[in-house]
Amino acid sequence: MPMEIYHRIFESSPDALLVIDPAGRITLVNARAEALFGYERVDMIGQAIEMLIPPRYRTDHVGYRRDYLGAPHSRPMGEGAALFGQRKGGDEFAVDVMLSPLHVEKGLFILCIVRSLSERRSGK
């Protein structure tokens, strides 16, 4: 029963939830992540998280990700910076991202909570 509850909480979140492994690969996403980014989960699982970031930010993001793994703690990503996601079709959108370390049997994973700012502003 408890695992089912955790699964339902994860899947019903109003925010996009992504779990990232130490190598920066997407290991788990929820339904909201599929809807927000326009990819099916099978197309995201195993891919680098940078696939969801506009190309001009990808190289820098790899370094930021490494820095975070050196001292992981729950915090907003890019505090004070404008952050953008990129949908499958290539269009960009403003986001808020929260990061939280997940210590599990297989090591340190990162929970990314992504909220579209444009949808929040438009009331969607």
C-alpha atoms as a PDB file:
ATOM      1  CA  MET A   1       0.000   0.000   0.000  1.00  0.00           C
ATOM      2  CA  PRO A   2       2.622   2.687   0.866  1.00  0.00           C
ATOM      3  CA  MET A   3       4.439   2.283  -2.487  1.00  0.00           C
ATOM      4  CA  GLU A   4       1.157   2.800  -4.316  1.00  0.00           C
ATOM      5  CA  ILE A   5       0.564   5.994  -2.345  1.00  0.00           C
ATOM      6  CA  TYR A   6       4.044   7.314  -3.195  1.00  0.00           C
ATOM      7  CA  HIS A   7       3.489   6.484  -6.846  1.00  0.00           C
ATOM      8  CA  ARG A   8       0.128   8.280  -6.891  1.00  0.00           C
ATOM      9  CA  ILE A   9       1.604  11.344  -5.168  1.00  0.00           C
ATOM     10  CA  PHE A  10       4.453  11.426  -7.704  1.00  0.00           C
ATOM     11  CA  GLU A  11       2.149  11.014 -10.703  1.00  0.00           C
ATOM     12  CA  SER A  12      -0.515  13.478  -9.552  1.00  0.00           C
ATOM     13  CA  SER A  13       1.834  16.351  -8.700  1.00  0.00           C
ATOM     14  CA  PRO A  14       0.837  19.639 -10.353  1.00  0.00           C
ATOM     15  CA  ASP A  15       4.561  20.223 -11.001  1.00  0.00           C
ATOM     16  CA  ALA A  16       6.840  18.335 -13.365  1.00  0.00           C
ATOM     17  CA  LEU A  17       8.952  15.903 -11.346  1.00  0.00           C
ATOM     18  CA  LEU A  18      12.149  14.401 -12.707  1.00  0.00           C
ATOM     19  CA  VAL A  19      14.663  12.160 -10.941  1.00  0.00           C
ATOM     20  CA  ILE A  20      18.218  12.500 -12.222  1.00  0.00           C
ATOM     21  CA  ASP A  21      21.085  10.067 -11.616  1.00  0.00           C
ATOM     22  CA  PRO A  22      24.652  11.156 -10.707  1.00  0.00           C
ATOM     23  CA  ALA A  23      25.625  11.095 -14.406  1.00  0.00           C
ATOM     24  CA  GLY A  24      22.871  13.602 -15.239  1.00  0.00           C
ATOM     25  CA  ARG A  25      20.571  11.057 -16.875  1.00  0.00           C
ATOM     26  CA  ILE A  26      16.799  11.150 -16.394  1.00  0.00           C
ATOM     27  CA  THR A  27      15.670   8.031 -14.516  1.00  0.00           C
ATOM     28  CA  LEU A  28      12.060   8.842 -13.655  1.00  0.00           C
ATOM     29  CA  VAL A  29       9.468  11.433 -14.717  1.00  0.00           C
ATOM     30  CA  ASN A  30       5.822  12.041 -13.911  1.00  0.00           C
ATOM     31  CA  ALA A  31       2.848  12.712 -16.161  1.00  0.00           C
ATOM     32  CA  ARG A  32       3.168  16.481 -15.678  1.00  0.00           C
ATOM     33  CA  ALA A  33       6.762  16.366 -17.010  1.00  0.00           C
ATOM     34  CA  GLU A  34       5.479  14.638 -20.134  1.00  0.00           C
ATOM     35  CA  ALA A  35       2.795  17.293 -20.619  1.00  0.00           C
ATOM     36  CA  LEU A  36       5.087  20.240 -19.876  1.00  0.00           C
ATOM     37  CA  PHE A  37       7.997  19.210 -22.089  1.00  0.00           C
ATOM     38  CA  GLY A  38       5.993  17.432 -24.813  1.00  0.00           C
ATOM     39  CA  TYR A  39       7.955  14.167 -24.677  1.00  0.00           C
ATOM     40  CA  GLU A  40       6.691  10.733 -23.767  1.00  0.00           C
ATOM     41  CA  ARG A  41       8.496   9.405 -20.708  1.00  0.00           C
ATOM     42  CA  VAL A  42      10.118   6.621 -22.738  1.00  0.00           C
ATOM     43  CA  ASP A  43      11.805   9.340 -24.812  1.00  0.00           C
ATOM     44  CA  MET A  44      13.186  11.092 -21.709  1.00  0.00           C
ATOM     45  CA  ILE A  45      14.295   8.131 -19.575  1.00  0.00           C
ATOM     46  CA  GLY A  46      18.023   7.523 -20.009  1.00  0.00           C
ATOM     47  CA  GLN A  47      18.652  10.861 -21.707  1.00  0.00           C
ATOM     48  CA  ALA A  48      20.765  13.688 -20.309  1.00  0.00           C
ATOM     49  CA  ILE A  49      18.721  16.270 -18.405  1.00  0.00           C
ATOM     50  CA  GLU A  50      20.180  18.887 -20.746  1.00  0.00           C
ATOM     51  CA  MET A  51      17.757  17.702 -23.452  1.00  0.00           C
ATOM     52  CA  LEU A  52      15.134  19.816 -21.628  1.00  0.00           C
ATOM     53  CA  ILE A  53      17.279  22.973 -21.564  1.00  0.00           C
ATOM     54  CA  PRO A  54      17.763  25.418 -24.446  1.00  0.00           C
ATOM     55  CA  PRO A  55      21.023  24.657 -26.315  1.00  0.00           C
ATOM     56  CA  ARG A  56      22.721  27.933 -25.340  1.00  0.00           C
ATOM     57  CA  TYR A  57      22.627  26.893 -21.648  1.00  0.00           C
ATOM     58  CA  ARG A  58      23.538  23.215 -21.940  1.00  0.00           C
ATOM     59  CA  THR A  59      27.328  23.416 -21.655  1.00  0.00           C
ATOM     60  CA  ASP A  60      27.189  25.629 -18.562  1.00  0.00           C
ATOM     61  CA  HIS A  61      24.510  23.423 -17.017  1.00  0.00           C
ATOM     62  CA  VAL A  62      26.820  20.387 -17.029  1.00  0.00           C
ATOM     63  CA  GLY A  63      29.243  22.327 -14.794  1.00  0.00           C
ATOM     64  CA  TYR A  64      26.473  23.584 -12.520  1.00  0.00           C
ATOM     65  CA  ARG A  65      25.222  20.019 -12.152  1.00  0.00           C
ATOM     66  CA  ARG A  66      28.702  18.799 -11.146  1.00  0.00           C
ATOM     67  CA  ASP A  67      29.015  21.630  -8.619  1.00  0.00           C
ATOM     68  CA  TYR A  68      25.645  20.751  -7.101  1.00  0.00           C
ATOM     69  CA  LEU A  69      26.631  17.095  -6.702  1.00  0.00           C
ATOM     70  CA  GLY A  70      29.717  18.249  -4.770  1.00  0.00           C
ATOM     71  CA  ALA A  71      27.543  19.821  -2.057  1.00  0.00           C
ATOM     72  CA  PRO A  72      23.930  18.721  -2.598  1.00  0.00           C
ATOM     73  CA  HIS A  73      21.173  20.326  -0.568  1.00  0.00           C
ATOM     74  CA  SER A  74      17.561  21.340  -1.159  1.00  0.00           C
ATOM     75  CA  ARG A  75      17.471  24.703  -2.886  1.00  0.00           C
ATOM     76  CA  PRO A  76      16.101  26.667  -5.832  1.00  0.00           C
ATOM     77  CA  MET A  77      18.153  26.263  -9.000  1.00  0.00           C
ATOM     78  CA  GLY A  78      19.781  29.370 -10.436  1.00  0.00           C
ATOM     79  CA  GLU A  79      18.740  31.672  -7.623  1.00  0.00           C
ATOM     80  CA  GLY A  80      18.298  35.155  -9.064  1.00  0.00           C
ATOM     81  CA  ALA A  81      18.753  33.952 -12.661  1.00  0.00           C
ATOM     82  CA  ALA A  82      16.130  33.584 -15.369  1.00  0.00           C
ATOM     83  CA  LEU A  83      15.720  29.875 -16.129  1.00  0.00           C
ATOM     84  CA  PHE A  84      14.231  28.335 -19.248  1.00  0.00           C
ATOM     85  CA  GLY A  85      13.059  24.904 -20.311  1.00  0.00           C
ATOM     86  CA  GLN A  86      12.692  23.718 -23.868  1.00  0.00           C
ATOM     87  CA  ARG A  87       9.806  21.655 -25.212  1.00  0.00           C
ATOM     88  CA  LYS A  88      10.128  18.894 -27.782  1.00  0.00           C
ATOM     89  CA  GLY A  89       9.098  21.278 -30.560  1.00  0.00           C
ATOM     90  CA  GLY A  90      11.896  23.696 -29.604  1.00  0.00           C
ATOM     91  CA  ASP A  91       9.885  26.454 -27.971  1.00  0.00           C
ATOM     92  CA  GLU A  92      11.284  27.831 -24.729  1.00  0.00           C
ATOM     93  CA  PHE A  93       9.420  28.747 -21.575  1.00  0.00           C
ATOM     94  CA  ALA A  94      10.361  30.349 -18.258  1.00  0.00           C
ATOM     95  CA  VAL A  95      10.596  27.974 -15.290  1.00  0.00           C
ATOM     96  CA  ASP A  96      11.230  27.772 -11.571  1.00  0.00           C
ATOM     97  CA  VAL A  97      13.254  24.723 -10.557  1.00  0.00           C
ATOM     98  CA  MET A  98      13.750  23.294  -7.084  1.00  0.00           C
ATOM     99  CA  LEU A  99      16.468  20.718  -6.441  1.00  0.00           C
ATOM    100  CA  SER A 100      16.543  18.148  -3.678  1.00  0.00           C
ATOM    101  CA  PRO A 101      19.059  15.335  -3.089  1.00  0.00           C
ATOM    102  CA  LEU A 102      17.689  11.806  -2.848  1.00  0.00           C
ATOM    103  CA  HIS A 103      19.985   9.380  -1.049  1.00  0.00           C
ATOM    104  CA  VAL A 104      18.960   5.868  -2.094  1.00  0.00           C
ATOM    105  CA  GLU A 105      20.576   2.427  -2.201  1.00  0.00           C
ATOM    106  CA  LYS A 106      22.099   3.101  -5.621  1.00  0.00           C
ATOM    107  CA  GLY A 107      23.646   6.405  -4.512  1.00  0.00           C
ATOM    108  CA  LEU A 108      22.789  10.070  -4.779  1.00  0.00           C
ATOM    109  CA  PHE A 109      19.995  11.046  -7.139  1.00  0.00           C
ATOM    110  CA  ILE A 110      18.447  14.486  -7.612  1.00  0.00           C
ATOM    111  CA  LEU A 111      14.755  15.344  -7.546  1.00  0.00           C
ATOM    112  CA  CYS A 112      14.013  18.268  -9.873  1.00  0.00           C
ATOM    113  CA  ILE A 113      10.685  20.015  -9.391  1.00  0.00           C
ATOM    114  CA  VAL A 114       9.873  22.152 -12.429  1.00  0.00           C
ATOM    115  CA  ARG A 115       7.100  24.713 -12.614  1.00  0.00           C
ATOM    116  CA  SER A 116       6.276  26.706 -15.736  1.00  0.00           C
ATOM    117  CA  LEU A 117       6.163  30.415 -14.926  1.00  0.00           C
ATOM    118  CA  SER A 118       4.247  31.237 -18.102  1.00  0.00           C
ATOM    119  CA  GLU A 119       1.433  28.840 -17.155  1.00  0.00           C
ATOM    120  CA  ARG A 120       1.319  30.186 -13.619  1.00  0.00           C
ATOM    121  CA  ARG A 121       1.049  33.752 -14.907  1.00  0.00           C
ATOM    122  CA  SER A 122      -1.673  32.872 -17.407  1.00  0.00           C
ATOM    123  CA  GLY A 123      -3.617  30.845 -14.866  1.00  0.00           C
ATOM    124  CA  LYS A 124      -3.317  27.474 -16.684  1.00  0.00           C
END
